[in-house]
Amino acid sequence: MQKLKDVAKFIRGSFPQPYTNPDWYDEKNGQPFVQVADIGFDLKLNKDTKLHISKIAEHKSRFVEKGKVVVALQGSIETSIGRVAITQYPAFFDRTILIFESYKVDIDNYYFAQVIQKLFHREKERAWGATISTITKEALSEFFIGLPDIEEQRKIGQFLKKLNDTISLHQQELDTLKQTKQGFLQKMFPKEGKSVPEVRFPEFTEKWKICKLGEIVDITMGQSPDGKNYTKNSNDHILVQGNADIKNGWVSPRVWTTQVTKTASKGDIILSVRAPVGDVGKTQYDVVLGRGVAGIKGNEFIFQLLSKMKINGFWTKYSTGSTFESINSTDLKEAMINIPSEVEQIKIGNFFKQLDDVIALHQQELDALKQTKKAFLQKMFV
């Protein structure tokens, strides 16, 4: 095991202050300016950066060549800090990013990138800060890493690169499927002010009717149990509190309660009514509804309609509160929607259900690949 400072030379990025000075940017002719958000999750930078640096700012900024390992030192613990990439184009880098300029021993770039990524997974929770967390360059210098001989590094690096490429391919396929679904949602439901959708099954010609959501479904607003009744005992009642319990269109339990207040049954739709408003999922079991959600007894068509309303930002016009977005029972029940005949509802619902099943299968395969990579990272590195 060796300290990171003994095997690599690294330096932080740089950018002139203040960030808000428009003279530092040139979106039309400027060079890429990489910030934390421009580092992807597949050991690559995004194809293009959100911002581009002007000529006047270049001499005050840090330029990085193609093929360097970089890591985000700052950002949220969950999603930002510890993002790693091997730069695939030259660019200027922000001070929140660390650049490995050169190595003091024989190191394979791809192996090293994986080591740094794994190192941060283990160490990043030690970062100080609340909303913004930071790992300093000085602290990073003292991190220990294991380095086998260069040939073993290359073999490990190539093996993990193939695995990463497979994960990236599955992610692209999943993203394409989700985009395809969003496209169908926009075309198979009427646009605002219209009474028929753009794309329709040929056997249906009647206009859709406008009605209130509360007229066609039963809605139960949640009411959180007393916090003292929360438990981690999975034999107690599952509590759904808000959007954090809704993932990929399903309810994922995190908390249980011994107290039963408002409930929803297996197969019901769960809608988030507190920030962010409109997240929707289905429950695979009976649950207790917290105050951050509503339970809706509706068919597959209603579930897809609510999904489309979320995508289109429908609920933002109903949400109230300046610091905490929410919608109330009255607004939810009186929300105006378009619906076709029951037969057409069933056909539309079945179409999207099949598409969701394919998406879910791809998601499972992707998750399995990520778990496989995680297991290899645990076993292949010291």
Protein backbone atom coordinates (compact mmCIF):
# COMPACT_ATOMS: atom_id res chain seq x y z
CA MET A 1 0.00 0.00 0.00
CA GLN A 2 1.25 3.47 -0.89
CA LYS A 3 0.04 6.98 -0.19
CA LEU A 4 -1.56 8.70 -3.14
CA LYS A 5 0.90 11.60 -2.94
CA ASP A 6 3.78 9.15 -3.44
CA VAL A 7 2.42 7.66 -6.69
CA ALA A 8 0.80 10.59 -8.51
CA LYS A 9 1.15 14.32 -9.08
CA PHE A 10 -2.17 16.13 -8.89
CA ILE A 11 -3.51 19.67 -8.86
CA ARG A 12 -6.88 21.38 -8.51
CA GLY A 13 -8.61 23.17 -11.35
CA SER A 14 -8.94 26.95 -11.42
CA PHE A 15 -11.37 29.58 -12.70
CA PRO A 16 -11.49 33.38 -12.29
CA GLN A 17 -13.93 34.84 -9.80
CA PRO A 18 -16.71 35.78 -9.55
CA TYR A 19 -18.44 33.02 -11.51
CA THR A 20 -21.23 35.42 -12.45
CA ASN A 21 -18.97 37.70 -14.53
CA PRO A 22 -20.25 37.35 -18.12
CA ASP A 23 -16.80 38.24 -19.49
CA TRP A 24 -15.55 34.77 -18.50
CA TYR A 25 -17.89 32.99 -20.91
CA ASP A 26 -18.25 32.61 -24.66
CA GLU A 27 -20.94 30.07 -25.51
CA LYS A 28 -20.47 30.41 -29.26
CA ASN A 29 -16.69 30.24 -29.71
CA GLY A 30 -15.32 29.37 -26.25
CA GLN A 31 -13.51 26.21 -25.12
CA PRO A 32 -15.27 23.66 -22.88
CA PHE A 33 -15.35 24.55 -19.17
CA VAL A 34 -15.79 21.41 -17.02
CA GLN A 35 -17.61 21.56 -13.69
CA VAL A 36 -18.72 18.72 -11.42
CA ALA A 37 -22.03 18.35 -13.30
CA ASP A 38 -20.10 17.72 -16.53
CA ILE A 39 -18.51 14.54 -15.15
CA GLY A 40 -20.66 11.55 -16.04
CA PHE A 41 -21.14 8.26 -14.22
CA ASP A 42 -19.34 6.08 -16.76
CA LEU A 43 -15.76 7.33 -16.30
CA LYS A 44 -16.32 9.86 -19.08
CA LEU A 45 -17.04 13.56 -19.33
CA ASN A 46 -20.39 14.49 -20.82
CA LYS A 47 -20.22 14.89 -24.60
CA ASP A 48 -20.29 18.66 -24.17
CA THR A 49 -20.12 21.00 -21.21
CA LYS A 50 -22.85 23.33 -20.01
CA LEU A 51 -20.51 26.33 -20.15
CA HIS A 52 -17.70 27.48 -22.44
CA ILE A 53 -14.85 29.71 -21.39
CA SER A 54 -13.84 32.96 -23.13
CA LYS A 55 -10.34 33.87 -24.34
CA ILE A 56 -10.04 36.51 -21.63
CA ALA A 57 -10.57 33.92 -18.89
CA GLU A 58 -8.28 31.20 -20.28
CA HIS A 59 -5.05 32.52 -18.75
CA LYS A 60 -6.72 32.52 -15.30
CA SER A 61 -8.02 28.97 -15.63
CA ARG A 62 -6.67 25.41 -15.49
CA PHE A 63 -6.24 23.68 -18.85
CA VAL A 64 -6.28 19.87 -18.96
CA GLU A 65 -5.26 17.69 -21.87
CA LYS A 66 -7.13 14.68 -23.19
CA GLY A 67 -6.51 11.39 -21.37
CA LYS A 68 -6.15 12.64 -17.77
CA VAL A 69 -7.92 11.15 -14.76
CA VAL A 70 -10.02 13.73 -12.91
CA VAL A 71 -12.24 13.50 -9.82
CA ALA A 72 -14.88 15.77 -8.29
CA LEU A 73 -13.85 16.99 -4.83
CA GLN A 74 -17.03 18.87 -4.04
CA GLY A 75 -20.78 18.39 -4.24
CA SER A 76 -23.52 16.36 -2.64
CA ILE A 77 -22.45 13.13 -0.95
CA GLU A 78 -25.11 11.15 -2.83
CA THR A 79 -24.65 12.28 -6.39
CA SER A 80 -21.62 14.50 -7.02
CA ILE A 81 -18.53 14.10 -4.89
CA GLY A 82 -16.27 11.33 -6.14
CA ARG A 83 -17.35 11.36 -9.78
CA VAL A 84 -14.38 10.17 -11.85
CA ALA A 85 -13.58 10.50 -15.55
CA ILE A 86 -10.75 9.98 -18.02
CA THR A 87 -10.95 13.14 -20.12
CA GLN A 88 -11.85 12.39 -23.72
CA TYR A 89 -11.26 15.97 -24.93
CA PRO A 90 -9.08 18.93 -23.81
CA ALA A 91 -10.87 21.48 -21.62
CA PHE A 92 -10.56 24.03 -18.82
CA PHE A 93 -11.43 22.71 -15.35
CA ASP A 94 -13.12 24.25 -12.34
CA ARG A 95 -11.44 24.40 -8.92
CA THR A 96 -13.91 21.83 -7.54
CA ILE A 97 -12.13 19.14 -9.62
CA LEU A 98 -8.79 17.45 -9.01
CA ILE A 99 -6.60 16.59 -12.00
CA PHE A 100 -3.98 13.84 -11.95
CA GLU A 101 -1.27 15.38 -14.13
CA SER A 102 1.29 12.56 -14.07
CA TYR A 103 2.40 9.44 -12.22
CA LYS A 104 5.56 8.78 -10.24
CA VAL A 105 5.40 5.02 -10.85
CA ASP A 106 4.08 2.79 -13.66
CA ILE A 107 0.28 3.12 -13.62
CA ASP A 108 -2.41 2.08 -16.06
CA ASN A 109 -4.84 4.97 -16.52
CA TYR A 110 -8.02 2.90 -16.53
CA TYR A 111 -6.96 0.83 -13.53
CA PHE A 112 -6.09 4.04 -11.67
CA ALA A 113 -9.48 5.62 -12.47
CA GLN A 114 -11.22 2.57 -11.00
CA VAL A 115 -9.04 2.73 -7.89
CA ILE A 116 -9.90 6.40 -7.35
CA GLN A 117 -13.60 5.74 -7.87
CA LYS A 118 -13.59 2.89 -5.35
CA LEU A 119 -11.51 4.96 -2.93
CA PHE A 120 -14.10 7.72 -2.94
CA HIS A 121 -16.98 5.31 -2.42
CA ARG A 122 -15.28 4.31 0.81
CA GLU A 123 -13.95 7.67 1.94
CA LYS A 124 -16.35 10.35 0.74
CA GLU A 125 -18.68 10.19 3.74
CA ARG A 126 -15.85 11.55 5.83
CA ALA A 127 -16.08 14.81 3.88
CA TRP A 128 -17.06 17.84 5.92
CA GLY A 129 -20.00 20.05 5.09
CA ALA A 130 -23.78 19.87 5.10
CA THR A 131 -25.42 20.75 1.80
CA ILE A 132 -22.05 21.00 0.04
CA SER A 133 -19.40 18.45 0.96
CA THR A 134 -15.71 18.67 0.16
CA ILE A 135 -12.72 16.39 0.21
CA THR A 136 -9.58 18.53 0.28
CA LYS A 137 -6.52 17.93 -1.82
CA GLU A 138 -4.48 17.65 1.38
CA ALA A 139 -6.71 14.91 2.80
CA LEU A 140 -6.63 13.05 -0.49
CA SER A 141 -2.83 13.05 -0.42
CA GLU A 142 -2.89 10.75 2.61
CA PHE A 143 -5.21 8.15 1.08
CA PHE A 144 -3.67 4.71 0.64
CA ILE A 145 -3.97 2.72 -2.60
CA GLY A 146 -2.76 -0.69 -3.71
CA LEU A 147 -0.79 -1.07 -6.95
CA PRO A 148 0.13 -4.45 -8.47
CA ASP A 149 2.67 -4.61 -11.30
CA ILE A 150 1.78 -2.78 -14.51
CA GLU A 151 0.75 -5.90 -16.46
CA GLU A 152 -1.77 -6.91 -13.80
CA GLN A 153 -3.05 -3.33 -13.69
CA ARG A 154 -3.64 -3.43 -17.44
CA LYS A 155 -5.49 -6.73 -17.31
CA ILE A 156 -7.69 -5.57 -14.44
CA GLY A 157 -8.28 -2.25 -16.20
CA GLN A 158 -9.28 -3.87 -19.48
CA PHE A 159 -11.58 -6.34 -17.74
CA LEU A 160 -13.38 -3.54 -15.90
CA LYS A 161 -13.47 -1.39 -19.04
CA LYS A 162 -15.35 -4.13 -20.90
CA LEU A 163 -17.75 -4.42 -17.98
CA ASN A 164 -18.21 -0.63 -17.92
CA ASP A 165 -18.83 -0.57 -21.67
CA THR A 166 -21.52 -3.24 -21.25
CA ILE A 167 -23.13 -1.22 -18.45
CA SER A 168 -23.03 1.93 -20.61
CA LEU A 169 -24.68 0.09 -23.50
CA HIS A 170 -27.47 -1.20 -21.26
CA GLN A 171 -27.91 2.31 -19.82
CA GLN A 172 -28.24 3.77 -23.32
CA GLU A 173 -30.83 1.14 -24.25
CA LEU A 174 -32.77 1.87 -21.06
CA ASP A 175 -32.64 5.62 -21.67
CA THR A 176 -33.89 5.09 -25.24
CA LEU A 177 -36.82 3.01 -23.99
CA LYS A 178 -37.75 5.65 -21.42
CA GLN A 179 -37.56 8.38 -24.07
CA THR A 180 -39.73 6.25 -26.36
CA LYS A 181 -42.33 5.94 -23.62
CA GLN A 182 -42.29 9.68 -23.00
CA GLY A 183 -42.85 10.23 -26.71
CA PHE A 184 -45.86 7.91 -26.72
CA LEU A 185 -47.26 9.60 -23.59
CA GLN A 186 -47.17 12.94 -25.39
CA LYS A 187 -48.83 11.59 -28.53
CA MET A 188 -51.38 9.09 -27.12
CA PHE A 189 -52.99 11.57 -24.70
CA PRO A 190 -54.65 14.79 -25.94
CA LYS A 191 -52.64 17.99 -25.73
CA GLU A 192 -54.04 20.81 -23.62
CA GLY A 193 -57.15 22.24 -25.27
CA LYS A 194 -57.61 19.20 -27.56
CA SER A 195 -60.25 16.46 -27.30
CA VAL A 196 -58.42 13.67 -29.16
CA PRO A 197 -54.80 12.47 -29.09
CA GLU A 198 -52.37 12.77 -31.98
CA VAL A 199 -51.82 8.99 -32.16
CA ARG A 200 -54.71 6.58 -31.61
CA PHE A 201 -55.73 2.98 -32.14
CA PRO A 202 -57.70 2.96 -35.43
CA GLU A 203 -60.92 1.48 -34.01
CA PHE A 204 -61.55 4.50 -31.77
CA THR A 205 -62.92 7.79 -33.12
CA GLU A 206 -65.02 9.35 -30.34
CA LYS A 207 -63.87 12.47 -28.57
CA TRP A 208 -62.45 12.15 -25.10
CA LYS A 209 -64.49 13.77 -22.33
CA ILE A 210 -63.30 16.28 -19.76
CA CYS A 211 -63.98 15.51 -16.11
CA LYS A 212 -62.56 15.98 -12.63
CA LEU A 213 -60.08 13.42 -11.35
CA GLY A 214 -62.12 12.96 -8.18
CA GLU A 215 -65.20 12.04 -10.24
CA ILE A 216 -63.66 8.86 -11.65
CA VAL A 217 -61.28 7.65 -8.93
CA ASP A 218 -61.31 7.32 -5.13
CA ILE A 219 -58.62 9.48 -3.52
CA THR A 220 -57.33 9.10 0.04
CA MET A 221 -55.01 11.78 1.40
CA GLY A 222 -52.31 10.51 3.74
CA GLN A 223 -51.97 11.30 7.42
CA SER A 224 -48.62 10.53 9.02
CA PRO A 225 -48.61 8.39 12.15
CA ASP A 226 -46.90 9.64 15.30
CA GLY A 227 -43.13 9.47 14.85
CA LYS A 228 -42.76 7.46 18.05
CA ASN A 229 -44.51 4.57 16.30
CA TYR A 230 -41.91 4.32 13.50
CA THR A 231 -40.03 1.04 13.42
CA LYS A 232 -37.64 -0.97 11.27
CA ASN A 233 -39.53 -4.17 11.91
CA SER A 234 -40.64 -5.45 8.51
CA ASN A 235 -43.43 -7.42 10.20
CA ASP A 236 -45.22 -4.15 11.02
CA HIS A 237 -47.12 -1.89 8.60
CA ILE A 238 -45.27 -0.34 5.64
CA LEU A 239 -45.35 3.46 5.75
CA VAL A 240 -45.23 5.52 2.53
CA GLN A 241 -44.19 9.06 3.40
CA GLY A 242 -43.34 10.79 0.13
CA ASN A 243 -41.55 10.78 -3.20
CA ALA A 244 -38.44 9.17 -1.66
CA ASP A 245 -40.49 5.96 -1.33
CA ILE A 246 -41.37 5.96 -5.06
CA LYS A 247 -38.74 4.54 -7.39
CA ASN A 248 -39.08 3.54 -11.06
CA GLY A 249 -42.88 3.58 -10.83
CA TRP A 250 -43.09 1.37 -7.73
CA VAL A 251 -43.29 1.93 -3.99
CA SER A 252 -40.10 0.91 -2.17
CA PRO A 253 -40.49 0.53 1.62
CA ARG A 254 -37.98 2.25 3.90
CA VAL A 255 -39.93 2.71 7.15
CA TRP A 256 -42.53 0.69 9.03
CA THR A 257 -45.03 1.78 11.67
CA THR A 258 -47.07 0.14 14.41
CA GLN A 259 -49.83 2.75 14.00
CA VAL A 260 -52.43 2.50 11.24
CA THR A 261 -53.99 5.73 9.95
CA LYS A 262 -54.98 6.21 6.29
CA THR A 263 -54.22 3.16 4.11
CA ALA A 264 -53.93 2.02 0.49
CA SER A 265 -54.29 -1.51 -0.82
CA LYS A 266 -52.02 -3.61 -3.00
CA GLY A 267 -52.29 -2.41 -6.60
CA ASP A 268 -53.32 1.15 -5.70
CA ILE A 269 -51.60 4.20 -7.22
CA ILE A 270 -49.51 6.35 -4.89
CA LEU A 271 -49.09 10.05 -5.79
CA SER A 272 -46.64 12.39 -4.08
CA VAL A 273 -48.45 15.55 -2.92
CA ARG A 274 -45.43 17.25 -1.36
CA ALA A 275 -42.22 18.43 -2.99
CA PRO A 276 -41.60 17.31 -5.59
CA VAL A 277 -45.30 17.08 -6.38
CA GLY A 278 -46.60 14.50 -8.85
CA ASP A 279 -44.21 11.53 -8.53
CA VAL A 280 -46.30 8.44 -9.09
CA GLY A 281 -45.93 4.73 -8.37
CA LYS A 282 -47.89 1.55 -7.75
CA THR A 283 -47.78 -0.39 -4.52
CA GLN A 284 -47.22 -4.15 -4.44
CA TYR A 285 -48.56 -4.47 -0.90
CA ASP A 286 -50.95 -2.84 1.57
CA VAL A 287 -49.45 0.37 2.99
CA VAL A 288 -50.07 3.15 5.49
CA LEU A 289 -50.23 6.57 3.78
CA GLY A 290 -48.11 9.37 5.24
CA ARG A 291 -49.09 13.00 4.77
CA GLY A 292 -46.74 13.39 1.80
CA VAL A 293 -48.75 11.09 -0.47
CA ALA A 294 -52.26 10.26 -1.65
CA GLY A 295 -53.66 6.84 -2.46
CA ILE A 296 -55.65 6.56 -5.71
CA LYS A 297 -57.79 3.61 -6.79
CA GLY A 298 -57.49 3.75 -10.55
CA ASN A 299 -56.74 1.52 -13.52
CA GLU A 300 -53.57 1.31 -15.62
CA PHE A 301 -54.80 4.12 -17.86
CA ILE A 302 -55.08 6.47 -14.87
CA PHE A 303 -51.58 5.51 -13.74
CA GLN A 304 -50.16 6.39 -17.16
CA LEU A 305 -52.20 9.59 -17.32
CA LEU A 306 -50.78 10.69 -13.95
CA SER A 307 -47.28 9.84 -15.20
CA LYS A 308 -47.82 12.08 -18.21
CA MET A 309 -49.17 14.89 -16.02
CA LYS A 310 -45.99 14.77 -13.93
CA ILE A 311 -43.77 14.94 -17.05
CA ASN A 312 -45.72 17.93 -18.38
CA GLY A 313 -45.48 19.82 -15.07
CA PHE A 314 -49.27 19.75 -14.66
CA TRP A 315 -49.22 19.95 -10.87
CA THR A 316 -47.05 23.05 -10.62
CA LYS A 317 -50.05 25.28 -11.28
CA TYR A 318 -51.92 23.67 -8.39
CA SER A 319 -49.06 23.51 -5.91
CA THR A 320 -49.04 25.98 -3.04
CA GLY A 321 -46.38 27.16 -0.63
CA SER A 322 -43.29 29.25 -1.28
CA THR A 323 -40.69 27.12 0.53
CA PHE A 324 -42.39 23.72 0.45
CA GLU A 325 -44.35 22.74 -2.64
CA SER A 326 -47.59 20.83 -2.03
CA ILE A 327 -51.11 20.23 -3.36
CA ASN A 328 -54.23 19.84 -1.23
CA SER A 329 -57.13 17.39 -1.41
CA THR A 330 -59.51 19.80 -3.14
CA ASP A 331 -57.12 20.71 -5.93
CA LEU A 332 -56.25 17.05 -6.47
CA LYS A 333 -59.87 15.94 -6.71
CA GLU A 334 -60.88 18.87 -8.94
CA ALA A 335 -57.97 18.57 -11.37
CA MET A 336 -59.44 18.49 -14.88
CA ILE A 337 -58.47 15.52 -17.05
CA ASN A 338 -59.38 14.01 -20.44
CA ILE A 339 -60.54 10.38 -20.59
CA PRO A 340 -61.77 8.11 -23.42
CA SER A 341 -64.24 5.22 -23.22
CA GLU A 342 -63.46 2.40 -20.81
CA VAL A 343 -62.55 0.07 -23.69
CA GLU A 344 -60.02 2.56 -25.07
CA GLN A 345 -58.66 3.14 -21.56
CA ILE A 346 -57.97 -0.58 -21.23
CA LYS A 347 -56.20 -0.78 -24.58
CA ILE A 348 -54.03 2.27 -23.86
CA GLY A 349 -53.27 0.98 -20.38
CA ASN A 350 -52.24 -2.44 -21.69
CA PHE A 351 -49.98 -0.87 -24.33
CA PHE A 352 -48.07 1.15 -21.76
CA LYS A 353 -48.03 -1.73 -19.27
CA GLN A 354 -46.18 -3.88 -21.82
CA LEU A 355 -43.74 -1.04 -22.46
CA ASP A 356 -43.21 -0.60 -18.70
CA ASP A 357 -42.52 -4.34 -18.34
CA VAL A 358 -39.77 -4.12 -20.97
CA ILE A 359 -38.30 -1.06 -19.23
CA ALA A 360 -38.41 -2.87 -15.88
CA LEU A 361 -36.61 -5.87 -17.36
CA HIS A 362 -33.84 -3.66 -18.76
CA GLN A 363 -33.60 -1.88 -15.40
CA GLN A 364 -33.18 -5.22 -13.61
CA GLU A 365 -30.45 -6.29 -16.04
CA LEU A 366 -28.66 -2.96 -15.57
CA ASP A 367 -28.90 -3.17 -11.78
CA ALA A 368 -27.53 -6.73 -11.89
CA LEU A 369 -24.55 -5.61 -13.98
CA LYS A 370 -23.83 -2.76 -11.55
CA GLN A 371 -23.96 -5.18 -8.63
CA THR A 372 -21.61 -7.51 -10.51
CA LYS A 373 -19.14 -4.67 -11.03
CA LYS A 374 -19.43 -3.67 -7.37
CA ALA A 375 -18.64 -7.24 -6.32
CA PHE A 376 -15.59 -7.40 -8.60
CA LEU A 377 -14.35 -4.05 -7.27
CA GLN A 378 -14.56 -5.44 -3.74
CA LYS A 379 -12.64 -8.59 -4.63
CA MET A 380 -10.10 -7.31 -7.19
CA PHE A 381 -8.71 -4.37 -5.20
CA VAL A 382 -6.89 -4.34 -1.90
